[in-house]
């Protein structure tokens, strides 16, 4: 029952992150939403590992976390290097 609640909460977070990706007024908001989406994917990997008892899902979660960290740093550096007038999108 706790695992089902965890999965439902993670799916709700992923849905809200999807809305943030689609509606985010700036690029920075979209990067944060992508990071939340990635955290939800890692949480789903952990939930799958707990449900099945197999540790392979933990390896996938660790891989996702590492790739997501590097991607977030890359996006942050890219946004930081763009001129300020181009970083803000018109609403």
N, C-alpha and C. Protein backbone atom coordinates (compact mmCIF):
# COMPACT_ATOMS: atom_id res chain seq x y z
N UNK A 1 0.82 -1.19 0.00
CA UNK A 1 0.00 0.00 0.00
C UNK A 1 0.87 1.27 0.00
N UNK A 2 1.95 1.25 0.75
CA UNK A 2 2.86 2.39 0.77
C UNK A 2 3.54 2.54 -0.58
N UNK A 3 3.89 1.42 -1.19
CA UNK A 3 4.54 1.46 -2.50
C UNK A 3 3.59 2.03 -3.56
N UNK A 4 2.33 1.68 -3.47
CA UNK A 4 1.34 2.22 -4.42
C UNK A 4 1.20 3.73 -4.23
N UNK A 5 1.18 4.19 -2.99
CA UNK A 5 1.11 5.63 -2.74
C UNK A 5 2.35 6.34 -3.27
N UNK A 6 3.52 5.71 -3.09
CA UNK A 6 4.76 6.29 -3.61
C UNK A 6 4.70 6.43 -5.12
N UNK A 7 4.24 5.40 -5.79
CA UNK A 7 4.16 5.44 -7.25
C UNK A 7 3.18 6.51 -7.71
N UNK A 8 2.04 6.63 -7.04
CA UNK A 8 1.06 7.65 -7.42
C UNK A 8 1.60 9.06 -7.21
N UNK A 9 2.30 9.27 -6.11
CA UNK A 9 2.88 10.59 -5.86
C UNK A 9 3.97 10.93 -6.87
N UNK A 10 4.77 9.95 -7.23
CA UNK A 10 5.84 10.18 -8.21
C UNK A 10 5.24 10.47 -9.58
N UNK A 11 4.18 9.75 -9.93
CA UNK A 11 3.52 10.02 -11.21
C UNK A 11 2.87 11.41 -11.22
N UNK A 12 2.34 11.84 -10.09
CA UNK A 12 1.79 13.19 -10.00
C UNK A 12 2.90 14.23 -10.17
N UNK A 13 4.04 13.99 -9.54
CA UNK A 13 5.18 14.90 -9.70
C UNK A 13 5.65 14.94 -11.15
N UNK A 14 5.65 13.78 -11.80
CA UNK A 14 6.06 13.74 -13.21
C UNK A 14 5.07 14.50 -14.09
N UNK A 15 3.79 14.39 -13.78
CA UNK A 15 2.78 15.13 -14.55
C UNK A 15 2.94 16.63 -14.37
N UNK A 16 3.17 17.07 -13.13
CA UNK A 16 3.39 18.49 -12.89
C UNK A 16 4.68 18.99 -13.55
N UNK A 17 5.71 18.14 -13.55
CA UNK A 17 6.95 18.51 -14.22
C UNK A 17 6.75 18.63 -15.73
N UNK A 18 5.91 17.77 -16.29
CA UNK A 18 5.61 17.85 -17.71
C UNK A 18 4.92 19.18 -18.03
N UNK A 19 4.00 19.59 -17.16
CA UNK A 19 3.37 20.90 -17.35
C UNK A 19 4.40 22.02 -17.24
N UNK A 20 5.34 21.88 -16.33
CA UNK A 20 6.39 22.89 -16.20
C UNK A 20 7.27 22.96 -17.42
N UNK A 21 7.53 21.82 -18.04
CA UNK A 21 8.33 21.81 -19.26
C UNK A 21 7.59 22.50 -20.39
N UNK A 22 6.30 22.24 -20.49
CA UNK A 22 5.52 22.81 -21.59
C UNK A 22 5.18 24.29 -21.39
N UNK A 23 4.96 24.71 -20.14
CA UNK A 23 4.49 26.06 -19.88
C UNK A 23 5.55 26.99 -19.31
N UNK A 24 6.71 26.48 -18.93
CA UNK A 24 7.72 27.30 -18.27
C UNK A 24 8.03 28.56 -19.05
N UNK A 25 7.93 29.71 -18.39
CA UNK A 25 8.15 30.95 -19.15
C UNK A 25 9.62 31.17 -19.54
N UNK A 26 10.56 30.60 -18.80
CA UNK A 26 11.96 30.78 -19.15
C UNK A 26 12.63 29.42 -19.33
N UNK A 27 13.81 29.47 -19.90
CA UNK A 27 14.57 28.23 -20.08
C UNK A 27 14.97 27.64 -18.73
N UNK A 28 15.25 28.48 -17.77
CA UNK A 28 15.64 28.00 -16.45
C UNK A 28 14.51 27.22 -15.80
N UNK A 29 13.28 27.68 -15.96
CA UNK A 29 12.13 26.95 -15.42
C UNK A 29 11.99 25.58 -16.07
N UNK A 30 12.26 25.52 -17.35
CA UNK A 30 12.17 24.23 -18.05
C UNK A 30 13.26 23.27 -17.59
N UNK A 31 14.45 23.78 -17.33
CA UNK A 31 15.54 22.92 -16.84
C UNK A 31 15.21 22.37 -15.46
N UNK A 32 14.64 23.21 -14.60
CA UNK A 32 14.24 22.74 -13.27
C UNK A 32 13.15 21.68 -13.39
N UNK A 33 12.19 21.88 -14.30
CA UNK A 33 11.14 20.88 -14.50
C UNK A 33 11.72 19.58 -15.03
N UNK A 34 12.70 19.66 -15.92
CA UNK A 34 13.36 18.44 -16.40
C UNK A 34 14.09 17.73 -15.28
N UNK A 35 14.67 18.48 -14.37
CA UNK A 35 15.36 17.88 -13.23
C UNK A 35 14.36 17.19 -12.30
N UNK A 36 13.20 17.78 -12.10
CA UNK A 36 12.16 17.14 -11.30
C UNK A 36 11.67 15.88 -11.99
N UNK A 37 11.51 15.94 -13.30
CA UNK A 37 11.09 14.76 -14.07
C UNK A 37 12.11 13.64 -13.93
N UNK A 38 13.38 13.99 -13.95
CA UNK A 38 14.43 13.00 -13.80
C UNK A 38 14.43 12.40 -12.39
N UNK A 39 14.21 13.23 -11.39
CA UNK A 39 14.12 12.73 -10.01
C UNK A 39 12.95 11.77 -9.86
N UNK A 40 11.85 12.06 -10.55
CA UNK A 40 10.70 11.15 -10.54
C UNK A 40 11.06 9.82 -11.19
N UNK A 41 11.83 9.86 -12.26
CA UNK A 41 12.24 8.62 -12.92
C UNK A 41 13.14 7.78 -12.01
N UNK A 42 14.04 8.44 -11.29
CA UNK A 42 14.90 7.73 -10.34
C UNK A 42 14.05 7.12 -9.23
N UNK A 43 13.06 7.86 -8.74
CA UNK A 43 12.18 7.34 -7.70
C UNK A 43 11.37 6.14 -8.21
N UNK A 44 10.96 6.17 -9.46
CA UNK A 44 10.25 5.02 -10.03
C UNK A 44 11.17 3.82 -10.14
N UNK A 45 12.44 4.04 -10.44
CA UNK A 45 13.40 2.93 -10.47
C UNK A 45 13.55 2.30 -9.08
N UNK A 46 13.59 3.14 -8.07
CA UNK A 46 13.69 2.63 -6.70
C UNK A 46 12.43 1.87 -6.33
N UNK A 47 11.26 2.40 -6.72
CA UNK A 47 10.01 1.71 -6.43
C UNK A 47 9.95 0.36 -7.15
N UNK A 48 10.44 0.32 -8.38
CA UNK A 48 10.46 -0.95 -9.10
C UNK A 48 11.40 -1.94 -8.43
N UNK A 49 12.51 -1.46 -7.91
CA UNK A 49 13.44 -2.34 -7.20
C UNK A 49 12.81 -2.88 -5.92
N UNK A 50 12.11 -2.01 -5.20
CA UNK A 50 11.45 -2.46 -3.98
C UNK A 50 10.34 -3.46 -4.28
N UNK A 51 9.61 -3.25 -5.36
CA UNK A 51 8.50 -4.12 -5.71
C UNK A 51 8.96 -5.50 -6.17
N UNK A 52 10.00 -5.52 -7.00
CA UNK A 52 10.44 -6.80 -7.56
C UNK A 52 11.52 -7.48 -6.73
N UNK A 53 12.22 -6.71 -5.91
CA UNK A 53 13.31 -7.29 -5.13
C UNK A 53 14.59 -7.48 -5.94
N UNK A 54 14.64 -6.91 -7.12
CA UNK A 54 15.83 -7.03 -7.97
C UNK A 54 16.62 -5.73 -7.90
N UNK A 55 17.92 -5.87 -7.80
CA UNK A 55 18.78 -4.69 -7.65
C UNK A 55 19.17 -4.05 -8.98
N UNK A 56 18.81 -4.66 -10.08
CA UNK A 56 19.18 -4.10 -11.37
C UNK A 56 18.52 -2.73 -11.57
N UNK A 57 17.34 -2.53 -10.99
CA UNK A 57 16.67 -1.24 -11.12
C UNK A 57 17.41 -0.15 -10.36
N UNK A 58 18.10 -0.52 -9.30
CA UNK A 58 18.92 0.46 -8.59
C UNK A 58 20.09 0.92 -9.45
N UNK A 59 20.67 0.00 -10.21
CA UNK A 59 21.74 0.37 -11.13
C UNK A 59 21.24 1.35 -12.20
N UNK A 60 20.04 1.09 -12.69
CA UNK A 60 19.46 1.99 -13.69
C UNK A 60 19.20 3.36 -13.06
N UNK A 61 18.71 3.38 -11.83
CA UNK A 61 18.46 4.64 -11.14
C UNK A 61 19.74 5.44 -10.91
N UNK A 62 20.81 4.74 -10.54
CA UNK A 62 22.10 5.43 -10.35
C UNK A 62 22.60 6.00 -11.67
N UNK A 63 22.45 5.23 -12.73
CA UNK A 63 22.86 5.72 -14.05
C UNK A 63 22.05 6.94 -14.48
N UNK A 64 20.74 6.90 -14.25
CA UNK A 64 19.91 8.05 -14.57
C UNK A 64 20.30 9.28 -13.76
N UNK A 65 20.58 9.06 -12.49
CA UNK A 65 20.97 10.19 -11.63
C UNK A 65 22.28 10.82 -12.10
N UNK A 66 23.23 9.99 -12.48
CA UNK A 66 24.52 10.53 -12.95
C UNK A 66 24.37 11.28 -14.26
N UNK A 67 23.63 10.70 -15.19
CA UNK A 67 23.43 11.37 -16.48
C UNK A 67 22.64 12.66 -16.29
N UNK A 68 21.63 12.61 -15.42
CA UNK A 68 20.83 13.80 -15.16
C UNK A 68 21.63 14.92 -14.52
N UNK A 69 22.53 14.56 -13.62
CA UNK A 69 23.38 15.57 -12.99
C UNK A 69 24.25 16.25 -14.02
N UNK A 70 24.89 15.48 -14.86
CA UNK A 70 25.76 16.06 -15.89
C UNK A 70 24.95 16.90 -16.87
N UNK A 71 23.77 16.42 -17.23
CA UNK A 71 22.92 17.18 -18.16
C UNK A 71 22.46 18.49 -17.54
N UNK A 72 22.11 18.47 -16.27
CA UNK A 72 21.67 19.70 -15.60
C UNK A 72 22.80 20.72 -15.53
N UNK A 73 24.00 20.25 -15.24
CA UNK A 73 25.15 21.15 -15.23
C UNK A 73 25.38 21.72 -16.63
N UNK A 74 25.27 20.89 -17.64
CA UNK A 74 25.45 21.36 -19.02
C UNK A 74 24.41 22.39 -19.41
N UNK A 75 23.14 22.14 -19.09
CA UNK A 75 22.09 23.10 -19.40
C UNK A 75 22.30 24.40 -18.64
N UNK A 76 22.70 24.30 -17.37
CA UNK A 76 22.92 25.50 -16.57
C UNK A 76 24.05 26.35 -17.16
N UNK A 77 25.10 25.71 -17.61
CA UNK A 77 26.20 26.48 -18.22
C UNK A 77 25.78 27.09 -19.54
N UNK A 78 24.96 26.37 -20.30
CA UNK A 78 24.47 26.91 -21.57
C UNK A 78 23.57 28.11 -21.34
N UNK A 79 22.68 28.03 -20.36
CA UNK A 79 21.79 29.14 -20.06
C UNK A 79 22.60 30.33 -19.53
N UNK A 80 23.62 30.05 -18.74
CA UNK A 80 24.44 31.11 -18.17
C UNK A 80 25.20 31.87 -19.25
N UNK A 81 25.55 31.22 -20.33
CA UNK A 81 26.33 31.86 -21.40
C UNK A 81 25.48 32.61 -22.41
N UNK A 82 24.16 32.39 -22.39
CA UNK A 82 23.31 33.11 -23.34
C UNK A 82 23.13 34.54 -22.87
N UNK A 83 22.99 35.48 -23.82
CA UNK A 83 22.74 36.87 -23.42
C UNK A 83 21.42 36.98 -22.64
N UNK A 84 21.34 37.94 -21.75
CA UNK A 84 20.18 38.07 -20.87
C UNK A 84 18.89 38.33 -21.65
N UNK A 85 18.95 39.06 -22.76
CA UNK A 85 17.71 39.34 -23.50
C UNK A 85 17.21 38.10 -24.21
N UNK A 86 18.07 37.15 -24.53
CA UNK A 86 17.62 35.92 -25.18
C UNK A 86 17.24 34.86 -24.16
N UNK A 87 17.67 35.01 -22.93
CA UNK A 87 17.37 34.00 -21.91
C UNK A 87 15.90 34.05 -21.49
N UNK A 88 15.30 35.23 -21.59
CA UNK A 88 13.89 35.38 -21.24
C UNK A 88 13.04 35.25 -22.49
N UNK A 89 12.08 34.37 -22.44
CA UNK A 89 11.18 34.21 -23.57
C UNK A 89 9.97 35.11 -23.39
N UNK A 90 9.40 35.59 -24.47
CA UNK A 90 8.17 36.39 -24.34
C UNK A 90 7.03 35.49 -23.87
N UNK A 91 6.17 36.07 -23.08
CA UNK A 91 5.03 35.28 -22.55
C UNK A 91 3.86 35.34 -23.45
